[in-house]
């Protein structure tokens, strides 16, 4: 079992500028095969944007995703963790803030992401969520 976030996080962060359109963000998500990006102003994370945010906060309201910025739809000031934070602290933050992903920041710089699936793999390796979160797991039909 992992003790620290650095042992379970996915290294690297995919980011968009806050002024990027939702279409730009969605295309990046599709290209990278991910469901979230951080909105970053330079190296500073200013928000977290998920595929669900795009769907619920923009598309469902009939807003044109070409004309809306990532910064206007993202969750501002996301909760973040450090690589040396204990795994139980990350789990507690996810529960307390009802989020599934946390950016990992070291010395003010984004260095990775930790997801509910990453944590499930350490807390309960035999769980369905842990199985689905492993690399090479079968993907959903498109």
N, C-alpha and C. Protein backbone atom coordinates (compact mmCIF):
# COMPACT_ATOMS: atom_id res chain seq x y z
N UNK A 1 0.84 -1.17 0.00
CA UNK A 1 0.00 0.00 0.00
C UNK A 1 0.89 1.24 0.00
N UNK A 2 0.48 2.25 -0.77
CA UNK A 2 1.26 3.48 -0.89
C UNK A 2 1.01 4.37 0.32
N UNK A 3 2.04 5.07 0.73
CA UNK A 3 1.93 5.99 1.85
C UNK A 3 1.73 7.44 1.43
N UNK A 4 2.33 7.81 0.28
CA UNK A 4 2.34 9.21 -0.12
C UNK A 4 1.74 9.39 -1.52
N UNK A 5 1.22 10.58 -1.76
CA UNK A 5 0.59 10.91 -3.04
C UNK A 5 1.54 10.64 -4.19
N UNK A 6 2.82 10.95 -4.06
CA UNK A 6 3.77 10.76 -5.15
C UNK A 6 3.83 9.32 -5.62
N UNK A 7 3.46 8.38 -4.76
CA UNK A 7 3.51 6.97 -5.11
C UNK A 7 2.31 6.52 -5.94
N UNK A 8 1.26 7.31 -5.97
CA UNK A 8 0.05 6.91 -6.70
C UNK A 8 -0.36 7.88 -7.79
N UNK A 9 0.20 9.08 -7.79
CA UNK A 9 -0.22 10.10 -8.74
C UNK A 9 0.22 9.76 -10.16
N UNK A 10 -0.44 10.36 -11.11
CA UNK A 10 -0.03 10.30 -12.50
C UNK A 10 0.84 11.52 -12.74
N UNK A 11 2.08 11.31 -13.12
CA UNK A 11 3.00 12.43 -13.33
C UNK A 11 2.59 13.22 -14.56
N UNK A 12 2.82 14.52 -14.50
CA UNK A 12 2.49 15.41 -15.61
C UNK A 12 1.09 15.96 -15.47
N UNK A 13 0.90 17.14 -16.03
CA UNK A 13 -0.39 17.81 -15.97
C UNK A 13 -0.70 18.35 -17.36
N UNK A 14 -1.91 18.15 -17.79
CA UNK A 14 -2.36 18.72 -19.06
C UNK A 14 -3.13 19.99 -18.71
N UNK A 15 -2.73 21.09 -19.35
CA UNK A 15 -3.31 22.38 -18.99
C UNK A 15 -3.79 23.13 -20.22
N UNK A 16 -4.77 24.01 -19.98
CA UNK A 16 -5.23 24.96 -20.98
C UNK A 16 -5.17 26.35 -20.37
N UNK A 17 -5.08 27.34 -21.21
CA UNK A 17 -5.17 28.72 -20.74
C UNK A 17 -6.60 29.00 -20.32
N UNK A 18 -6.82 29.86 -19.35
CA UNK A 18 -8.20 30.18 -18.95
C UNK A 18 -9.03 30.77 -20.09
N UNK A 19 -8.37 31.42 -21.07
CA UNK A 19 -9.12 32.01 -22.18
C UNK A 19 -9.32 31.04 -23.34
N UNK A 20 -8.86 29.80 -23.23
CA UNK A 20 -9.09 28.79 -24.27
C UNK A 20 -10.58 28.48 -24.34
N UNK A 21 -11.06 28.20 -25.54
CA UNK A 21 -12.47 27.84 -25.67
C UNK A 21 -12.72 26.43 -25.12
N UNK A 22 -13.97 26.15 -24.83
CA UNK A 22 -14.32 24.81 -24.36
C UNK A 22 -14.05 23.77 -25.43
N UNK A 23 -14.17 24.16 -26.69
CA UNK A 23 -13.86 23.22 -27.77
C UNK A 23 -12.37 22.87 -27.74
N UNK A 24 -11.51 23.87 -27.54
CA UNK A 24 -10.08 23.60 -27.43
C UNK A 24 -9.80 22.63 -26.29
N UNK A 25 -10.43 22.88 -25.15
CA UNK A 25 -10.23 22.02 -23.98
C UNK A 25 -10.73 20.60 -24.25
N UNK A 26 -11.90 20.49 -24.87
CA UNK A 26 -12.47 19.17 -25.16
C UNK A 26 -11.60 18.40 -26.16
N UNK A 27 -11.08 19.10 -27.15
CA UNK A 27 -10.20 18.43 -28.12
C UNK A 27 -8.92 17.93 -27.44
N UNK A 28 -8.39 18.72 -26.54
CA UNK A 28 -7.21 18.30 -25.79
C UNK A 28 -7.52 17.08 -24.94
N UNK A 29 -8.67 17.08 -24.29
CA UNK A 29 -9.08 15.91 -23.49
C UNK A 29 -9.18 14.68 -24.37
N UNK A 30 -9.79 14.83 -25.54
CA UNK A 30 -9.95 13.67 -26.43
C UNK A 30 -8.58 13.18 -26.91
N UNK A 31 -7.72 14.10 -27.33
CA UNK A 31 -6.39 13.73 -27.82
C UNK A 31 -5.57 13.01 -26.74
N UNK A 32 -5.66 13.50 -25.51
CA UNK A 32 -4.89 12.92 -24.41
C UNK A 32 -5.61 11.75 -23.73
N UNK A 33 -6.86 11.50 -24.13
CA UNK A 33 -7.68 10.43 -23.54
C UNK A 33 -7.82 10.62 -22.03
N UNK A 34 -8.20 11.85 -21.65
CA UNK A 34 -8.39 12.19 -20.24
C UNK A 34 -9.72 12.90 -20.06
N UNK A 35 -10.17 13.02 -18.84
CA UNK A 35 -11.45 13.66 -18.56
C UNK A 35 -11.32 14.98 -17.83
N UNK A 36 -10.09 15.49 -17.71
CA UNK A 36 -9.90 16.74 -17.00
C UNK A 36 -8.63 17.42 -17.45
N UNK A 37 -8.62 18.74 -17.32
CA UNK A 37 -7.42 19.54 -17.54
C UNK A 37 -7.41 20.62 -16.47
N UNK A 38 -6.25 21.16 -16.21
CA UNK A 38 -6.20 22.30 -15.32
C UNK A 38 -6.21 23.55 -16.18
N UNK A 39 -6.83 24.59 -15.66
CA UNK A 39 -6.76 25.91 -16.28
C UNK A 39 -5.59 26.60 -15.60
N UNK A 40 -4.61 27.01 -16.38
CA UNK A 40 -3.39 27.58 -15.80
C UNK A 40 -3.04 28.90 -16.45
N UNK A 41 -2.70 29.84 -15.59
CA UNK A 41 -2.22 31.14 -16.02
C UNK A 41 -0.71 31.10 -15.81
N UNK A 42 0.01 30.79 -16.87
CA UNK A 42 1.43 30.51 -16.73
C UNK A 42 1.58 29.19 -16.01
N UNK A 43 2.33 29.17 -14.92
CA UNK A 43 2.51 27.95 -14.13
C UNK A 43 1.54 27.86 -12.96
N UNK A 44 0.70 28.88 -12.79
CA UNK A 44 -0.23 28.92 -11.65
C UNK A 44 -1.57 28.30 -12.03
N UNK A 45 -1.99 27.29 -11.29
CA UNK A 45 -3.29 26.66 -11.53
C UNK A 45 -4.38 27.59 -10.99
N UNK A 46 -5.31 27.95 -11.88
CA UNK A 46 -6.40 28.83 -11.47
C UNK A 46 -7.74 28.11 -11.45
N UNK A 47 -7.79 26.90 -12.03
CA UNK A 47 -9.04 26.16 -12.04
C UNK A 47 -8.85 24.75 -12.52
N UNK A 48 -9.92 23.99 -12.39
CA UNK A 48 -9.95 22.60 -12.83
C UNK A 48 -11.16 22.46 -13.74
N UNK A 49 -10.97 21.91 -14.92
CA UNK A 49 -12.04 21.74 -15.89
C UNK A 49 -12.18 20.27 -16.23
N UNK A 50 -13.39 19.75 -16.07
CA UNK A 50 -13.66 18.35 -16.38
C UNK A 50 -14.61 18.26 -17.57
N UNK A 51 -14.65 17.09 -18.16
CA UNK A 51 -15.61 16.86 -19.24
C UNK A 51 -17.04 17.07 -18.74
N UNK A 52 -17.29 16.73 -17.50
CA UNK A 52 -18.62 16.94 -16.91
C UNK A 52 -18.92 18.43 -16.77
N UNK A 53 -17.93 19.24 -16.39
CA UNK A 53 -18.14 20.69 -16.31
C UNK A 53 -18.60 21.24 -17.66
N UNK A 54 -17.94 20.81 -18.73
CA UNK A 54 -18.30 21.28 -20.06
C UNK A 54 -19.74 20.90 -20.38
N UNK A 55 -20.11 19.67 -20.07
CA UNK A 55 -21.44 19.18 -20.37
C UNK A 55 -22.51 19.88 -19.53
N UNK A 56 -22.31 19.93 -18.22
CA UNK A 56 -23.33 20.42 -17.30
C UNK A 56 -23.39 21.95 -17.24
N UNK A 57 -22.24 22.60 -17.27
CA UNK A 57 -22.21 24.06 -17.09
C UNK A 57 -22.29 24.85 -18.40
N UNK A 58 -22.19 24.17 -19.53
CA UNK A 58 -22.22 24.91 -20.79
C UNK A 58 -23.19 24.27 -21.78
N UNK A 59 -22.86 23.08 -22.24
CA UNK A 59 -23.66 22.44 -23.29
C UNK A 59 -25.11 22.26 -22.87
N UNK A 60 -25.35 21.82 -21.65
CA UNK A 60 -26.72 21.59 -21.18
C UNK A 60 -27.54 22.88 -21.14
N UNK A 61 -26.87 24.02 -21.02
CA UNK A 61 -27.55 25.31 -21.03
C UNK A 61 -27.63 25.91 -22.42
N UNK A 62 -27.19 25.17 -23.43
CA UNK A 62 -27.26 25.65 -24.80
C UNK A 62 -26.21 26.69 -25.15
N UNK A 63 -25.18 26.77 -24.34
CA UNK A 63 -24.12 27.74 -24.58
C UNK A 63 -23.16 27.19 -25.65
N UNK A 64 -22.78 28.03 -26.58
CA UNK A 64 -21.90 27.63 -27.66
C UNK A 64 -20.48 27.42 -27.11
N UNK A 65 -19.98 26.19 -27.13
CA UNK A 65 -18.66 25.91 -26.57
C UNK A 65 -17.50 26.57 -27.33
N UNK A 66 -17.77 27.09 -28.51
CA UNK A 66 -16.73 27.83 -29.23
C UNK A 66 -16.55 29.24 -28.68
N UNK A 67 -17.58 29.75 -28.01
CA UNK A 67 -17.54 31.13 -27.56
C UNK A 67 -17.33 31.28 -26.06
N UNK A 68 -17.26 30.18 -25.35
CA UNK A 68 -17.12 30.22 -23.90
C UNK A 68 -15.71 29.76 -23.52
N UNK A 69 -15.13 30.45 -22.56
CA UNK A 69 -13.77 30.12 -22.15
C UNK A 69 -13.74 29.04 -21.07
N UNK A 70 -12.66 28.34 -21.02
CA UNK A 70 -12.44 27.33 -19.98
C UNK A 70 -12.50 27.98 -18.60
N UNK A 71 -11.95 29.18 -18.49
CA UNK A 71 -11.92 29.87 -17.21
C UNK A 71 -13.30 30.22 -16.68
N UNK A 72 -14.26 30.40 -17.57
CA UNK A 72 -15.60 30.77 -17.11
C UNK A 72 -16.42 29.56 -16.67
N UNK A 73 -15.98 28.37 -17.02
CA UNK A 73 -16.74 27.15 -16.71
C UNK A 73 -16.03 26.28 -15.67
N UNK A 74 -14.73 26.43 -15.54
CA UNK A 74 -13.97 25.57 -14.64
C UNK A 74 -14.30 25.86 -13.18
N UNK A 75 -13.92 24.94 -12.33
CA UNK A 75 -14.03 25.15 -10.89
C UNK A 75 -12.80 25.96 -10.48
N UNK A 76 -13.02 27.18 -9.98
CA UNK A 76 -11.87 28.02 -9.63
C UNK A 76 -11.19 27.56 -8.35
N UNK A 77 -9.92 27.91 -8.22
CA UNK A 77 -9.16 27.64 -7.01
C UNK A 77 -9.34 26.20 -6.52
N UNK A 78 -8.95 25.22 -7.33
CA UNK A 78 -9.17 23.83 -6.93
C UNK A 78 -8.35 23.45 -5.70
N UNK A 79 -8.85 22.47 -4.99
CA UNK A 79 -8.13 21.89 -3.86
C UNK A 79 -6.94 21.13 -4.45
N UNK A 80 -5.78 21.30 -3.86
CA UNK A 80 -4.57 20.66 -4.38
C UNK A 80 -3.85 19.93 -3.26
N UNK A 81 -2.99 19.01 -3.65
CA UNK A 81 -2.16 18.28 -2.70
C UNK A 81 -0.71 18.38 -3.13
N UNK A 82 0.17 18.01 -2.23
CA UNK A 82 1.61 17.97 -2.53
C UNK A 82 2.03 16.50 -2.68
N UNK A 83 3.10 16.25 -3.39
CA UNK A 83 3.56 14.86 -3.56
C UNK A 83 3.84 14.14 -2.26
N UNK A 84 4.29 14.88 -1.23
CA UNK A 84 4.62 14.25 0.04
C UNK A 84 3.46 14.20 1.03
N UNK A 85 2.27 14.60 0.59
CA UNK A 85 1.10 14.46 1.46
C UNK A 85 0.74 12.98 1.59
N UNK A 86 0.28 12.59 2.77
CA UNK A 86 -0.13 11.19 2.95
C UNK A 86 -1.37 10.86 2.11
N UNK A 87 -1.44 9.66 1.61
CA UNK A 87 -2.59 9.21 0.82
C UNK A 87 -3.90 9.42 1.58
N UNK A 88 -3.99 9.08 2.88
CA UNK A 88 -5.25 9.30 3.59
C UNK A 88 -5.68 10.78 3.60
N UNK A 89 -4.74 11.69 3.57
CA UNK A 89 -5.08 13.12 3.53
C UNK A 89 -5.72 13.46 2.19
N UNK A 90 -5.22 12.90 1.10
CA UNK A 90 -5.81 13.12 -0.22
C UNK A 90 -7.22 12.54 -0.28
N UNK A 91 -7.40 11.36 0.27
CA UNK A 91 -8.73 10.75 0.32
C UNK A 91 -9.69 11.64 1.10
N UNK A 92 -9.25 12.13 2.24
CA UNK A 92 -10.10 12.99 3.07
C UNK A 92 -10.47 14.27 2.32
N UNK A 93 -9.54 14.86 1.60
CA UNK A 93 -9.84 16.07 0.82
C UNK A 93 -10.87 15.78 -0.27
N UNK A 94 -10.71 14.66 -0.94
CA UNK A 94 -11.69 14.30 -1.98
C UNK A 94 -13.08 14.15 -1.39
N UNK A 95 -13.16 13.49 -0.26
CA UNK A 95 -14.46 13.32 0.40
C UNK A 95 -15.03 14.66 0.85
N UNK A 96 -14.22 15.46 1.50
CA UNK A 96 -14.69 16.73 2.06
C UNK A 96 -15.15 17.70 0.97
N UNK A 97 -14.50 17.66 -0.19
CA UNK A 97 -14.81 18.61 -1.25
C UNK A 97 -15.59 17.98 -2.40
N UNK A 98 -15.94 16.71 -2.27
CA UNK A 98 -16.72 15.97 -3.27
C UNK A 98 -16.08 16.11 -4.67
N UNK A 99 -14.79 15.82 -4.76
CA UNK A 99 -14.09 15.84 -6.04
C UNK A 99 -13.45 14.49 -6.30
N UNK A 100 -13.18 14.22 -7.57
CA UNK A 100 -12.62 12.93 -7.96
C UNK A 100 -11.16 13.03 -8.39
N UNK A 101 -10.68 14.27 -8.54
CA UNK A 101 -9.31 14.48 -9.00
C UNK A 101 -8.70 15.65 -8.25
N UNK A 102 -7.41 15.56 -7.96
CA UNK A 102 -6.69 16.64 -7.29
C UNK A 102 -5.39 16.90 -8.04
N UNK A 103 -5.15 18.16 -8.41
CA UNK A 103 -3.83 18.48 -8.94
C UNK A 103 -2.78 18.32 -7.84
N UNK A 104 -1.60 17.87 -8.24
CA UNK A 104 -0.48 17.71 -7.32
C UNK A 104 0.53 18.81 -7.65
N UNK A 105 0.86 19.61 -6.63
CA UNK A 105 1.71 20.77 -6.83
C UNK A 105 2.92 20.69 -5.90
N UNK A 106 4.09 21.00 -6.46
CA UNK A 106 5.32 21.01 -5.67
C UNK A 106 6.05 22.33 -5.94
N UNK A 107 6.35 23.04 -4.88
CA UNK A 107 7.02 24.35 -5.00
C UNK A 107 6.26 25.28 -5.95
N UNK A 108 4.92 25.24 -5.88
CA UNK A 108 4.08 26.10 -6.69
C UNK A 108 3.88 25.64 -8.12
N UNK A 109 4.50 24.54 -8.51
CA UNK A 109 4.43 24.05 -9.89
C UNK A 109 3.59 22.78 -9.95
N UNK A 110 2.68 22.69 -10.92
CA UNK A 110 1.92 21.45 -11.09
C UNK A 110 2.83 20.33 -11.58
N UNK A 111 2.78 19.19 -10.89
CA UNK A 111 3.65 18.07 -11.25
C UNK A 111 2.88 16.79 -11.55
N UNK A 112 1.57 16.77 -11.28
CA UNK A 112 0.81 15.56 -11.53
C UNK A 112 -0.63 15.70 -11.12
N UNK A 113 -1.35 14.60 -11.27
CA UNK A 113 -2.75 14.52 -10.87
C UNK A 113 -2.93 13.23 -10.09
N UNK A 114 -3.80 13.28 -9.10
CA UNK A 114 -4.17 12.06 -8.40
C UNK A 114 -5.69 11.96 -8.49
N UNK A 115 -6.15 10.80 -8.87
CA UNK A 115 -7.58 10.59 -9.07
C UNK A 115 -8.13 9.59 -8.06
N UNK A 116 -9.43 9.57 -8.00
CA UNK A 116 -10.11 8.60 -7.16
C UNK A 116 -9.69 7.18 -7.54
N UNK A 117 -9.55 6.95 -8.84
CA UNK A 117 -9.11 5.63 -9.30
C UNK A 117 -7.71 5.29 -8.84
N UNK A 118 -6.81 6.30 -8.86
CA UNK A 118 -5.44 6.07 -8.38
C UNK A 118 -5.47 5.64 -6.92
N UNK A 119 -6.29 6.34 -6.13
CA UNK A 119 -6.36 6.05 -4.70
C UNK A 119 -7.06 4.73 -4.43
N UNK A 120 -8.05 4.40 -5.24
CA UNK A 120 -8.75 3.12 -5.06
C UNK A 120 -7.78 1.97 -5.25
N UNK A 121 -6.83 2.14 -6.16
CA UNK A 121 -5.85 1.09 -6.40
C UNK A 121 -4.96 0.82 -5.21
N UNK A 122 -4.77 1.82 -4.34
CA UNK A 122 -3.93 1.61 -3.16
C UNK A 122 -4.76 1.20 -1.96
N UNK A 123 -5.94 1.76 -1.85
CA UNK A 123 -6.80 1.47 -0.69
C UNK A 123 -7.49 0.12 -0.81
N UNK A 124 -7.93 -0.23 -2.02
CA UNK A 124 -8.65 -1.48 -2.24
C UNK A 124 -8.31 -2.00 -3.63
N UNK A 125 -7.13 -2.62 -3.79
CA UNK A 125 -6.65 -3.02 -5.12
C UNK A 125 -7.58 -3.96 -5.87
N UNK A 126 -8.43 -4.68 -5.17
CA UNK A 126 -9.35 -5.61 -5.83
C UNK A 126 -10.68 -4.99 -6.22
N UNK A 127 -10.88 -3.72 -5.93
CA UNK A 127 -12.17 -3.09 -6.22
C UNK A 127 -12.37 -2.91 -7.72
N UNK A 128 -13.62 -2.82 -8.11
CA UNK A 128 -13.95 -2.60 -9.51
C UNK A 128 -13.34 -1.30 -10.01
N UNK A 129 -13.41 -0.23 -9.20
CA UNK A 129 -12.83 1.05 -9.59
C UNK A 129 -11.33 0.93 -9.81
N UNK A 130 -10.66 0.22 -8.95
CA UNK A 130 -9.21 0.02 -9.12
C UNK A 130 -8.94 -0.75 -10.41
N UNK A 131 -9.72 -1.76 -10.68
CA UNK A 131 -9.54 -2.55 -11.91
C UNK A 131 -9.73 -1.68 -13.14
N UNK A 132 -10.79 -0.87 -13.15
CA UNK A 132 -11.07 -0.02 -14.31
C UNK A 132 -10.03 1.08 -14.49
N UNK A 133 -9.37 1.46 -13.42
CA UNK A 133 -8.41 2.56 -13.46
C UNK A 133 -7.01 2.12 -13.87
N UNK A 134 -6.78 0.83 -13.95
CA UNK A 134 -5.45 0.36 -14.32
C UNK A 134 -5.18 0.61 -15.80
N UNK A 135 -3.93 0.92 -16.14
CA UNK A 135 -3.59 1.09 -17.56
C UNK A 135 -3.94 -0.18 -18.33
N UNK A 136 -4.48 0.03 -19.52
CA UNK A 136 -4.85 -1.11 -20.34
C UNK A 136 -6.22 -1.67 -20.03
N UNK A 137 -6.94 -1.05 -19.09
CA UNK A 137 -8.29 -1.52 -18.78
C UNK A 137 -9.18 -1.27 -20.00
N UNK A 138 -10.17 -2.13 -20.20
CA UNK A 138 -11.05 -1.94 -21.35
C UNK A 138 -11.71 -0.58 -21.29
N UNK A 139 -11.77 0.08 -22.43
CA UNK A 139 -12.37 1.41 -22.52
C UNK A 139 -13.87 1.27 -22.77
N UNK A 140 -14.58 2.35 -22.49
CA UNK A 140 -16.00 2.39 -22.80
C UNK A 140 -16.17 2.44 -24.30
N UNK A 141 -17.29 1.91 -24.80
CA UNK A 141 -17.53 2.04 -26.25
C UNK A 141 -17.71 3.51 -26.62
N UNK A 142 -17.26 3.88 -27.81
CA UNK A 142 -17.37 5.27 -28.25
C UNK A 142 -18.61 5.48 -29.04
